[in-house]
Amino acid sequence: MKIKTRRVELPLPWGGGVYATIIDTPNARILVDSGHTSESSRTALMEALSDRAPDLLLLTHAHQDHYGGLPVLRTAYPDLLIYASVHAQAYYEDQYRTVVTHHQHLEQFAVRVGVHGEMYDQILRGFDRIAQSGCTASLDRLLHDADEFELGGIEVRVHHHPGHHHHHLVFELPQLNQVISGDNVFQTNLAPPQVYFDANGRRIPALPQLLESLERLAQIGGRALPSHGEELPEVSSVARRAKAAYERTTHRVTKAWSQFDDPPDLPTLLQSVFGEVPLPLVGLRLGFLLGYADCAGVGDNYR
């Protein structure tokens, strides 16, 4: 049975795009991810699906450029099946509470690590809009690591690869020797490690998880269809190259840390490692910095 995959680039409000992937056989269509919450992304998504309705939506992880098409998909295709990680159930079924809780934890964390002023405002903005975006759905199946299923002749293996997001999934298509790799690895850029917290508001290290996920992705091998940028003809070499790049910057953090007699607050360490960071990039750079600090063995100072 012939299986076809097609990546559809959906526009992002800040420029560039995010890819959804369509997997087709004569008997079924699977859609992986659904683009951004913006109207332009949703319109492009529905145009890409206009020739045939999807039977199943698979969600790699709960960032708004991946689940943003949920409202229009649920309206247009009321029988659409939706599968996501078991760890994502609270997000998709109770998005508002989950986002608000994360925002509260982030506020408390920022105070603990010395973030204030414009930097504080920058990293905490936008959560109300995300919480109220209405991108909720009842999940028809909760996916676990190593799950396998088949739909219309399409075989899918599920891999839980946390780090960029704690419930990030990678979908392997063994019949095609392909993996739909989400946001964990790209040809030219590094994926930012997640900043997230346990139920008590304590930050959980993410970059060590991401490095382990990259090694597991390298072991799967094959052609990768990432959510951003070009396809990867052989994911193993790109994943291991990314690991090496994270490790190089970890050494920079170790060197910067050695210059302080006492643990610096997080903005001071940021300045020491990256220099002046433009305000719109502060949140992204802080996420990377926390990951490098964890790998350098000093992350306990920023929990």
C-alpha atoms as a PDB file:
ATOM      1  CA  MET A   1       0.000   0.000   0.000  1.00  0.00           C
ATOM      2  CA  LYS A   2       1.410   3.375  -0.993  1.00  0.00           C
ATOM      3  CA  ILE A   3       1.954   5.855   1.846  1.00  0.00           C
ATOM      4  CA  LYS A   4       2.626   9.511   1.106  1.00  0.00           C
ATOM      5  CA  THR A   5       3.839  12.205   3.495  1.00  0.00           C
ATOM      6  CA  ARG A   6       3.536  15.911   2.794  1.00  0.00           C
ATOM      7  CA  ARG A   7       4.695  18.820   4.922  1.00  0.00           C
ATOM      8  CA  VAL A   8       2.503  21.930   4.854  1.00  0.00           C
ATOM      9  CA  GLU A   9       4.131  25.196   5.916  1.00  0.00           C
ATOM     10  CA  LEU A  10       1.765  27.383   7.944  1.00  0.00           C
ATOM     11  CA  PRO A  11       2.631  31.063   8.568  1.00  0.00           C
ATOM     12  CA  LEU A  12       3.677  32.389  11.965  1.00  0.00           C
ATOM     13  CA  PRO A  13       2.816  35.934  13.115  1.00  0.00           C
ATOM     14  CA  TRP A  14       6.477  36.825  13.748  1.00  0.00           C
ATOM     15  CA  GLY A  15       7.633  35.517  10.358  1.00  0.00           C
ATOM     16  CA  GLY A  16       8.622  32.160   8.975  1.00  0.00           C
ATOM     17  CA  GLY A  17       6.435  29.132   9.370  1.00  0.00           C
ATOM     18  CA  VAL A  18       5.707  25.907  11.177  1.00  0.00           C
ATOM     19  CA  TYR A  19       5.093  22.627   9.407  1.00  0.00           C
ATOM     20  CA  ALA A  20       2.143  20.320   9.827  1.00  0.00           C
ATOM     21  CA  THR A  21       2.565  16.891   8.272  1.00  0.00           C
ATOM     22  CA  ILE A  22      -0.106  15.026   6.306  1.00  0.00           C
ATOM     23  CA  ILE A  23       0.189  11.253   5.959  1.00  0.00           C
ATOM     24  CA  ASP A  24      -2.037   9.655   3.315  1.00  0.00           C
ATOM     25  CA  THR A  25      -3.016   6.209   2.132  1.00  0.00           C
ATOM     26  CA  PRO A  26      -6.096   5.341   0.058  1.00  0.00           C
ATOM     27  CA  ASN A  27      -7.801   4.388   3.332  1.00  0.00           C
ATOM     28  CA  ALA A  28      -6.829   7.083   5.825  1.00  0.00           C
ATOM     29  CA  ARG A  29      -5.356  10.531   6.390  1.00  0.00           C
ATOM     30  CA  ILE A  30      -3.380  11.423   9.509  1.00  0.00           C
ATOM     31  CA  LEU A  31      -2.513  15.031  10.339  1.00  0.00           C
ATOM     32  CA  VAL A  32       0.407  15.726  12.686  1.00  0.00           C
ATOM     33  CA  ASP A  33       0.072  19.105  14.439  1.00  0.00           C
ATOM     34  CA  SER A  34      -2.203  21.934  13.388  1.00  0.00           C
ATOM     35  CA  GLY A  35      -0.267  25.195  13.224  1.00  0.00           C
ATOM     36  CA  HIS A  36      -0.528  28.467  15.114  1.00  0.00           C
ATOM     37  CA  THR A  37      -3.556  30.095  16.736  1.00  0.00           C
ATOM     38  CA  SER A  38      -3.421  32.985  14.232  1.00  0.00           C
ATOM     39  CA  GLU A  39      -6.151  33.322  11.607  1.00  0.00           C
ATOM     40  CA  SER A  40      -3.653  33.150   8.740  1.00  0.00           C
ATOM     41  CA  SER A  41      -2.260  29.847   9.981  1.00  0.00           C
ATOM     42  CA  ARG A  42      -5.714  28.338  10.476  1.00  0.00           C
ATOM     43  CA  THR A  43      -6.813  29.444   6.995  1.00  0.00           C
ATOM     44  CA  ALA A  44      -3.725  27.878   5.409  1.00  0.00           C
ATOM     45  CA  LEU A  45      -4.315  24.665   7.351  1.00  0.00           C
ATOM     46  CA  MET A  46      -7.905  24.310   6.175  1.00  0.00           C
ATOM     47  CA  GLU A  47      -6.887  25.033   2.574  1.00  0.00           C
ATOM     48  CA  ALA A  48      -4.319  22.229   2.774  1.00  0.00           C
ATOM     49  CA  LEU A  49      -7.022  19.835   3.996  1.00  0.00           C
ATOM     50  CA  SER A  50      -9.695  20.934   1.524  1.00  0.00           C
ATOM     51  CA  ASP A  51      -9.201  17.915  -0.747  1.00  0.00           C
ATOM     52  CA  ARG A  52      -9.808  15.355   1.993  1.00  0.00           C
ATOM     53  CA  ALA A  53     -10.818  15.269   5.644  1.00  0.00           C
ATOM     54  CA  PRO A  54      -8.313  13.968   8.178  1.00  0.00           C
ATOM     55  CA  ASP A  55      -9.267  10.913  10.208  1.00  0.00           C
ATOM     56  CA  LEU A  56      -6.770  11.451  13.028  1.00  0.00           C
ATOM     57  CA  LEU A  57      -4.847  14.378  14.506  1.00  0.00           C
ATOM     58  CA  LEU A  58      -1.599  13.606  16.320  1.00  0.00           C
ATOM     59  CA  LEU A  59      -0.146  16.358  18.536  1.00  0.00           C
ATOM     60  CA  THR A  60       3.587  16.472  19.199  1.00  0.00           C
ATOM     61  CA  HIS A  61       3.424  18.964  22.095  1.00  0.00           C
ATOM     62  CA  ALA A  62       1.422  21.839  23.555  1.00  0.00           C
ATOM     63  CA  HIS A  63       3.066  24.952  22.146  1.00  0.00           C
ATOM     64  CA  GLN A  64       0.665  27.334  20.449  1.00  0.00           C
ATOM     65  CA  ASP A  65       2.275  26.970  16.997  1.00  0.00           C
ATOM     66  CA  HIS A  66       1.443  23.248  17.081  1.00  0.00           C
ATOM     67  CA  TYR A  67      -2.075  23.024  18.516  1.00  0.00           C
ATOM     68  CA  GLY A  68      -3.507  26.298  17.170  1.00  0.00           C
ATOM     69  CA  GLY A  69      -5.797  24.724  14.601  1.00  0.00           C
ATOM     70  CA  LEU A  70      -7.788  22.757  17.165  1.00  0.00           C
ATOM     71  CA  PRO A  71     -10.905  24.988  17.191  1.00  0.00           C
ATOM     72  CA  VAL A  72     -11.385  25.015  13.402  1.00  0.00           C
ATOM     73  CA  LEU A  73     -10.577  21.319  13.079  1.00  0.00           C
ATOM     74  CA  ARG A  74     -13.124  20.343  15.731  1.00  0.00           C
ATOM     75  CA  THR A  75     -15.778  22.453  14.009  1.00  0.00           C
ATOM     76  CA  ALA A  76     -15.051  21.229  10.485  1.00  0.00           C
ATOM     77  CA  TYR A  77     -14.487  17.567  11.375  1.00  0.00           C
ATOM     78  CA  PRO A  78     -16.588  16.593  14.398  1.00  0.00           C
ATOM     79  CA  ASP A  79     -15.597  12.913  14.031  1.00  0.00           C
ATOM     80  CA  LEU A  80     -11.861  13.672  14.018  1.00  0.00           C
ATOM     81  CA  LEU A  81      -9.885  11.501  16.421  1.00  0.00           C
ATOM     82  CA  ILE A  82      -7.282  13.332  18.532  1.00  0.00           C
ATOM     83  CA  TYR A  83      -4.300  11.560  20.125  1.00  0.00           C
ATOM     84  CA  ALA A  84      -1.692  13.221  22.362  1.00  0.00           C
ATOM     85  CA  SER A  85       0.715  12.344  25.144  1.00  0.00           C
ATOM     86  CA  VAL A  86      -0.692  11.027  28.391  1.00  0.00           C
ATOM     87  CA  HIS A  87       1.330  13.793  30.051  1.00  0.00           C
ATOM     88  CA  ALA A  88      -0.544  16.413  27.998  1.00  0.00           C
ATOM     89  CA  GLN A  89      -4.069  15.493  29.056  1.00  0.00           C
ATOM     90  CA  ALA A  90      -4.403  18.294  31.615  1.00  0.00           C
ATOM     91  CA  TYR A  91      -3.243  20.879  29.081  1.00  0.00           C
ATOM     92  CA  TYR A  92      -5.614  19.989  26.263  1.00  0.00           C
ATOM     93  CA  GLU A  93      -8.631  19.258  28.449  1.00  0.00           C
ATOM     94  CA  ASP A  94      -8.161  22.122  30.941  1.00  0.00           C
ATOM     95  CA  GLN A  95      -5.924  24.606  29.164  1.00  0.00           C
ATOM     96  CA  TYR A  96      -6.895  27.674  31.163  1.00  0.00           C
ATOM     97  CA  ARG A  97      -6.076  26.220  34.576  1.00  0.00           C
ATOM     98  CA  THR A  98      -2.843  24.637  33.340  1.00  0.00           C
ATOM     99  CA  VAL A  99      -1.549  27.842  31.757  1.00  0.00           C
ATOM    100  CA  VAL A 100      -2.521  30.016  34.728  1.00  0.00           C
ATOM    101  CA  THR A 101      -0.771  27.623  37.124  1.00  0.00           C
ATOM    102  CA  HIS A 102       2.397  27.701  35.027  1.00  0.00           C
ATOM    103  CA  HIS A 103       2.254  31.507  34.950  1.00  0.00           C
ATOM    104  CA  GLN A 104       2.030  31.624  38.752  1.00  0.00           C
ATOM    105  CA  HIS A 105       4.998  29.280  39.122  1.00  0.00           C
ATOM    106  CA  LEU A 106       7.009  31.345  36.655  1.00  0.00           C
ATOM    107  CA  GLU A 107       6.235  34.561  38.573  1.00  0.00           C
ATOM    108  CA  GLN A 108       7.457  33.022  41.818  1.00  0.00           C
ATOM    109  CA  PHE A 109      10.537  31.590  40.133  1.00  0.00           C
ATOM    110  CA  ALA A 110      11.473  34.937  38.555  1.00  0.00           C
ATOM    111  CA  VAL A 111      11.462  36.579  41.982  1.00  0.00           C
ATOM    112  CA  ARG A 112      13.609  33.779  43.452  1.00  0.00           C
ATOM    113  CA  VAL A 113      16.337  34.093  40.806  1.00  0.00           C
ATOM    114  CA  GLY A 114      16.503  37.892  40.728  1.00  0.00           C
ATOM    115  CA  VAL A 115      14.615  38.730  37.542  1.00  0.00           C
ATOM    116  CA  HIS A 116      12.891  42.122  37.739  1.00  0.00           C
ATOM    117  CA  GLY A 117      11.939  45.238  35.788  1.00  0.00           C
ATOM    118  CA  GLU A 118      11.503  45.056  32.024  1.00  0.00           C
ATOM    119  CA  MET A 119      13.003  41.573  31.937  1.00  0.00           C
ATOM    120  CA  TYR A 120      10.391  40.360  34.429  1.00  0.00           C
ATOM    121  CA  ASP A 121       7.549  41.905  32.417  1.00  0.00           C
ATOM    122  CA  GLN A 122       8.888  40.419  29.175  1.00  0.00           C
ATOM    123  CA  ILE A 123       9.027  36.795  30.292  1.00  0.00           C
ATOM    124  CA  LEU A 124       5.584  36.941  31.915  1.00  0.00           C
ATOM    125  CA  ARG A 125       3.607  38.550  29.121  1.00  0.00           C
ATOM    126  CA  GLY A 126       1.137  36.744  26.887  1.00  0.00           C
ATOM    127  CA  PHE A 127      -0.071  34.027  29.232  1.00  0.00           C
ATOM    128  CA  ASP A 128      -3.612  35.417  29.550  1.00  0.00           C
ATOM    129  CA  ARG A 129      -4.039  35.314  25.775  1.00  0.00           C
ATOM    130  CA  ILE A 130      -2.740  31.749  25.577  1.00  0.00           C
ATOM    131  CA  ALA A 131      -4.941  30.618  28.471  1.00  0.00           C
ATOM    132  CA  GLN A 132      -8.033  31.999  26.764  1.00  0.00           C
ATOM    133  CA  SER A 133      -7.280  30.809  23.216  1.00  0.00           C
ATOM    134  CA  GLY A 134      -9.919  28.067  23.394  1.00  0.00           C
ATOM    135  CA  CYS A 135      -7.613  25.362  22.060  1.00  0.00           C
ATOM    136  CA  THR A 136      -9.071  22.554  24.124  1.00  0.00           C
ATOM    137  CA  ALA A 137     -10.176  19.090  23.094  1.00  0.00           C
ATOM    138  CA  SER A 138     -11.163  15.775  24.587  1.00  0.00           C
ATOM    139  CA  LEU A 139      -8.442  13.287  23.730  1.00  0.00           C
ATOM    140  CA  ASP A 140      -9.520   9.999  22.181  1.00  0.00           C
ATOM    141  CA  ARG A 141      -6.295   8.240  23.110  1.00  0.00           C
ATOM    142  CA  LEU A 142      -3.518   9.015  25.572  1.00  0.00           C
ATOM    143  CA  LEU A 143      -0.186   8.009  24.090  1.00  0.00           C
ATOM    144  CA  HIS A 144       2.720   6.478  25.999  1.00  0.00           C
ATOM    145  CA  ASP A 145       6.331   5.900  25.060  1.00  0.00           C
ATOM    146  CA  ALA A 146       6.711   2.781  22.881  1.00  0.00           C
ATOM    147  CA  ASP A 147       3.023   2.665  21.910  1.00  0.00           C
ATOM    148  CA  GLU A 148       2.304   1.370  18.414  1.00  0.00           C
ATOM    149  CA  PHE A 149      -0.881   1.653  16.383  1.00  0.00           C
ATOM    150  CA  GLU A 150      -2.125   1.346  12.804  1.00  0.00           C
ATOM    151  CA  LEU A 151      -4.725   3.326  10.909  1.00  0.00           C
ATOM    152  CA  GLY A 152      -5.706   2.679   7.298  1.00  0.00           C
ATOM    153  CA  GLY A 153      -2.428   0.924   6.560  1.00  0.00           C
ATOM    154  CA  ILE A 154      -0.269   3.568   8.287  1.00  0.00           C
ATOM    155  CA  GLU A 155       1.887   2.166  11.075  1.00  0.00           C
ATOM    156  CA  VAL A 156       3.002   4.589  13.791  1.00  0.00           C
ATOM    157  CA  ARG A 157       5.436   4.112  16.666  1.00  0.00           C
ATOM    158  CA  VAL A 158       5.309   6.620  19.501  1.00  0.00           C
ATOM    159  CA  HIS A 159       8.413   7.930  21.262  1.00  0.00           C
ATOM    160  CA  HIS A 160       8.281  10.196  24.309  1.00  0.00           C
ATOM    161  CA  HIS A 161      11.229  12.574  23.866  1.00  0.00           C
ATOM    162  CA  PRO A 162      11.026  15.273  26.581  1.00  0.00           C
ATOM    163  CA  GLY A 163      13.287  18.285  26.928  1.00  0.00           C
ATOM    164  CA  HIS A 164      11.913  20.923  24.605  1.00  0.00           C
ATOM    165  CA  HIS A 165       8.570  20.112  26.198  1.00  0.00           C
ATOM    166  CA  HIS A 166       7.938  17.612  28.983  1.00  0.00           C
ATOM    167  CA  HIS A 167       5.356  15.712  26.941  1.00  0.00           C
ATOM    168  CA  HIS A 168       6.990  16.063  23.512  1.00  0.00           C
ATOM    169  CA  LEU A 169       6.290  13.107  21.216  1.00  0.00           C
ATOM    170  CA  VAL A 170       8.139  11.900  18.133  1.00  0.00           C
ATOM    171  CA  PHE A 171       6.197   9.781  15.642  1.00  0.00           C
ATOM    172  CA  GLU A 172       8.096   7.101  13.755  1.00  0.00           C
ATOM    173  CA  LEU A 173       6.778   5.771  10.420  1.00  0.00           C
ATOM    174  CA  PRO A 174       8.693   2.473  10.128  1.00  0.00           C
ATOM    175  CA  GLN A 175       7.292   1.630   6.672  1.00  0.00           C
ATOM    176  CA  LEU A 176       8.961   4.783   5.304  1.00  0.00           C
ATOM    177  CA  ASN A 177      12.041   4.921   7.559  1.00  0.00           C
ATOM    178  CA  GLN A 178      10.896   8.421   8.586  1.00  0.00           C
ATOM    179  CA  VAL A 179      10.339  10.230  11.865  1.00  0.00           C
ATOM    180  CA  ILE A 180       8.143  13.265  12.431  1.00  0.00           C
ATOM    181  CA  SER A 181      10.452  14.861  14.946  1.00  0.00           C
ATOM    182  CA  GLY A 182       8.571  17.956  16.134  1.00  0.00           C
ATOM    183  CA  ASP A 183      10.764  20.610  17.729  1.00  0.00           C
ATOM    184  CA  ASN A 184      13.589  18.566  19.238  1.00  0.00           C
ATOM    185  CA  VAL A 185      16.105  18.943  16.411  1.00  0.00           C
ATOM    186  CA  PHE A 186      16.619  21.262  13.441  1.00  0.00           C
ATOM    187  CA  GLN A 187      19.165  21.500  10.656  1.00  0.00           C
ATOM    188  CA  THR A 188      20.664  24.839  11.710  1.00  0.00           C
ATOM    189  CA  ASN A 189      19.232  26.002  15.070  1.00  0.00           C
ATOM    190  CA  LEU A 190      19.087  24.478  18.527  1.00  0.00           C
ATOM    191  CA  ALA A 191      15.747  23.751  20.183  1.00  0.00           C
ATOM    192  CA  PRO A 192      15.240  25.738  23.410  1.00  0.00           C
ATOM    193  CA  PRO A 193      14.919  23.583  26.523  1.00  0.00           C
ATOM    194  CA  GLN A 194      11.677  24.004  28.413  1.00  0.00           C
ATOM    195  CA  VAL A 195      11.288  25.979  31.621  1.00  0.00           C
ATOM    196  CA  TYR A 196       8.701  24.124  33.666  1.00  0.00           C
ATOM    197  CA  PHE A 197       7.863  23.264  37.242  1.00  0.00           C
ATOM    198  CA  ASP A 198       6.607  20.458  39.425  1.00  0.00           C
ATOM    199  CA  ALA A 199       3.337  20.719  41.360  1.00  0.00           C
ATOM    200  CA  ASN A 200       5.128  22.621  44.145  1.00  0.00           C
ATOM    201  CA  GLY A 201       6.574  25.217  41.774  1.00  0.00           C
ATOM    202  CA  ARG A 202      10.136  23.877  41.778  1.00  0.00           C
ATOM    203  CA  ARG A 203      11.870  24.063  38.396  1.00  0.00           C
ATOM    204  CA  ILE A 204      12.616  20.720  36.733  1.00  0.00           C
ATOM    205  CA  PRO A 205      15.846  20.437  34.676  1.00  0.00           C
ATOM    206  CA  ALA A 206      15.022  20.060  30.986  1.00  0.00           C
ATOM    207  CA  LEU A 207      18.238  20.172  28.947  1.00  0.00           C
ATOM    208  CA  PRO A 208      19.594  16.895  30.367  1.00  0.00           C
ATOM    209  CA  GLN A 209      16.308  15.313  29.254  1.00  0.00           C
ATOM    210  CA  LEU A 210      16.649  16.873  25.808  1.00  0.00           C
ATOM    211  CA  LEU A 211      20.194  15.530  25.382  1.00  0.00           C
ATOM    212  CA  GLU A 212      18.962  12.043  26.243  1.00  0.00           C
ATOM    213  CA  SER A 213      16.073  12.462  23.785  1.00  0.00           C
ATOM    214  CA  LEU A 214      18.489  13.491  21.028  1.00  0.00           C
ATOM    215  CA  GLU A 215      20.529  10.336  21.563  1.00  0.00           C
ATOM    216  CA  ARG A 216      17.375   8.224  21.392  1.00  0.00           C
ATOM    217  CA  LEU A 217      16.361  10.051  18.198  1.00  0.00           C
ATOM    218  CA  ALA A 218      19.794   9.356  16.721  1.00  0.00           C
ATOM    219  CA  GLN A 219      19.316   5.674  17.465  1.00  0.00           C
ATOM    220  CA  ILE A 220      16.003   5.624  15.577  1.00  0.00           C
ATOM    221  CA  GLY A 221      17.680   7.189  12.556  1.00  0.00           C
ATOM    222  CA  GLY A 222      16.137   7.697   9.145  1.00  0.00           C
ATOM    223  CA  ARG A 223      14.742  10.768   7.441  1.00  0.00           C
ATOM    224  CA  ALA A 224      13.300  13.371   9.801  1.00  0.00           C
ATOM    225  CA  LEU A 225      10.461  15.795   9.165  1.00  0.00           C
ATOM    226  CA  PRO A 226      10.948  18.564  11.753  1.00  0.00           C
ATOM    227  CA  SER A 227       8.387  21.233  12.538  1.00  0.00           C
ATOM    228  CA  HIS A 228      10.673  24.067  11.434  1.00  0.00           C
ATOM    229  CA  GLY A 229      13.220  24.280   8.657  1.00  0.00           C
ATOM    230  CA  GLU A 230      14.253  21.801   6.038  1.00  0.00           C
ATOM    231  CA  GLU A 231      13.904  18.032   6.127  1.00  0.00           C
ATOM    232  CA  LEU A 232      16.817  16.046   7.544  1.00  0.00           C
ATOM    233  CA  PRO A 233      17.932  13.226   5.211  1.00  0.00           C
ATOM    234  CA  GLU A 234      19.591  11.384   8.115  1.00  0.00           C
ATOM    235  CA  VAL A 235      18.573  12.521  11.570  1.00  0.00           C
ATOM    236  CA  SER A 236      21.291  10.653  13.487  1.00  0.00           C
ATOM    237  CA  SER A 237      24.156  12.940  12.473  1.00  0.00           C
ATOM    238  CA  VAL A 238      22.110  16.122  13.033  1.00  0.00           C
ATOM    239  CA  ALA A 239      20.937  14.997  16.490  1.00  0.00           C
ATOM    240  CA  ARG A 240      24.478  14.177  17.615  1.00  0.00           C
ATOM    241  CA  ARG A 241      25.784  17.456  16.192  1.00  0.00           C
ATOM    242  CA  ALA A 242      23.130  19.287  18.218  1.00  0.00           C
ATOM    243  CA  LYS A 243      24.191  17.441  21.369  1.00  0.00           C
ATOM    244  CA  ALA A 244      27.781  18.558  20.821  1.00  0.00           C
ATOM    245  CA  ALA A 245      26.661  22.180  20.339  1.00  0.00           C
ATOM    246  CA  TYR A 246      24.736  22.176  23.637  1.00  0.00           C
ATOM    247  CA  GLU A 247      27.786  20.724  25.363  1.00  0.00           C
ATOM    248  CA  ARG A 248      30.091  23.421  23.972  1.00  0.00           C
ATOM    249  CA  THR A 249      27.967  26.217  25.405  1.00  0.00           C
ATOM    250  CA  THR A 250      27.722  24.346  28.702  1.00  0.00           C
ATOM    251  CA  HIS A 251      31.507  24.762  28.933  1.00  0.00           C
ATOM    252  CA  ARG A 252      31.050  28.532  28.467  1.00  0.00           C
ATOM    253  CA  VAL A 253      28.668  28.607  31.408  1.00  0.00           C
ATOM    254  CA  THR A 254      31.106  26.604  33.525  1.00  0.00           C
ATOM    255  CA  LYS A 255      33.855  29.111  32.689  1.00  0.00           C
ATOM    256  CA  ALA A 256      31.629  32.124  33.419  1.00  0.00           C
ATOM    257  CA  TRP A 257      30.493  30.601  36.716  1.00  0.00           C
ATOM    258  CA  SER A 258      34.097  30.163  37.859  1.00  0.00           C
ATOM    259  CA  GLN A 259      34.574  33.943  37.823  1.00  0.00           C
ATOM    260  CA  PHE A 260      32.092  34.491  40.676  1.00  0.00           C
ATOM    261  CA  ASP A 261      32.899  34.013  44.360  1.00  0.00           C
ATOM    262  CA  ASP A 262      29.197  33.537  45.170  1.00  0.00           C
ATOM    263  CA  PRO A 263      26.323  32.311  42.982  1.00  0.00           C
ATOM    264  CA  PRO A 264      25.129  35.274  40.875  1.00  0.00           C
ATOM    265  CA  ASP A 265      21.490  36.035  40.246  1.00  0.00           C
ATOM    266  CA  LEU A 266      20.216  34.806  36.904  1.00  0.00           C
ATOM    267  CA  PRO A 267      20.367  38.152  35.011  1.00  0.00           C
ATOM    268  CA  THR A 268      24.015  38.582  36.076  1.00  0.00           C
ATOM    269  CA  LEU A 269      24.905  35.119  34.803  1.00  0.00           C
ATOM    270  CA  LEU A 270      23.015  35.851  31.583  1.00  0.00           C
ATOM    271  CA  GLN A 271      25.095  38.989  31.037  1.00  0.00           C
ATOM    272  CA  SER A 272      28.312  37.115  31.736  1.00  0.00           C
ATOM    273  CA  VAL A 273      27.566  34.327  29.256  1.00  0.00           C
ATOM    274  CA  PHE A 274      25.673  36.100  26.449  1.00  0.00           C
ATOM    275  CA  GLY A 275      26.427  39.803  26.898  1.00  0.00           C
ATOM    276  CA  GLU A 276      23.615  42.258  26.232  1.00  0.00           C
ATOM    277  CA  VAL A 277      20.484  40.380  25.151  1.00  0.00           C
ATOM    278  CA  PRO A 278      17.725  42.252  23.260  1.00  0.00           C
ATOM    279  CA  LEU A 279      14.578  42.353  25.368  1.00  0.00           C
ATOM    280  CA  PRO A 280      12.418  40.293  22.926  1.00  0.00           C
ATOM    281  CA  LEU A 281      14.979  37.465  23.158  1.00  0.00           C
ATOM    282  CA  VAL A 282      15.352  37.459  26.926  1.00  0.00           C
ATOM    283  CA  GLY A 283      12.877  34.649  27.598  1.00  0.00           C
ATOM    284  CA  LEU A 284      14.471  32.389  25.003  1.00  0.00           C
ATOM    285  CA  ARG A 285      18.020  33.047  26.221  1.00  0.00           C
ATOM    286  CA  LEU A 286      17.064  32.525  29.847  1.00  0.00           C
ATOM    287  CA  GLY A 287      15.598  29.145  28.938  1.00  0.00           C
ATOM    288  CA  PHE A 288      18.826  28.120  27.244  1.00  0.00           C
ATOM    289  CA  LEU A 289      20.899  29.479  30.139  1.00  0.00           C
ATOM    290  CA  LEU A 290      18.973  27.476  32.720  1.00  0.00           C
ATOM    291  CA  GLY A 291      19.497  24.348  30.632  1.00  0.00           C
ATOM    292  CA  TYR A 292      23.233  24.960  30.372  1.00  0.00           C
ATOM    293  CA  ALA A 293      23.418  25.667  34.108  1.00  0.00           C
ATOM    294  CA  ASP A 294      21.763  22.310  34.804  1.00  0.00           C
ATOM    295  CA  CYS A 295      24.249  20.497  32.571  1.00  0.00           C
ATOM    296  CA  ALA A 296      27.138  22.412  34.184  1.00  0.00           C
ATOM    297  CA  GLY A 297      26.052  21.220  37.623  1.00  0.00           C
ATOM    298  CA  VAL A 298      25.051  24.640  38.969  1.00  0.00           C
ATOM    299  CA  GLY A 299      21.346  24.563  38.187  1.00  0.00           C
ATOM    300  CA  ASP A 300      20.368  23.906  41.806  1.00  0.00           C
ATOM    301  CA  ASN A 301      21.029  27.603  42.419  1.00  0.00           C
ATOM    302  CA  TYR A 302      18.115  28.422  40.064  1.00  0.00           C
ATOM    303  CA  ARG A 303      15.329  26.078  41.072  1.00  0.00           C
END
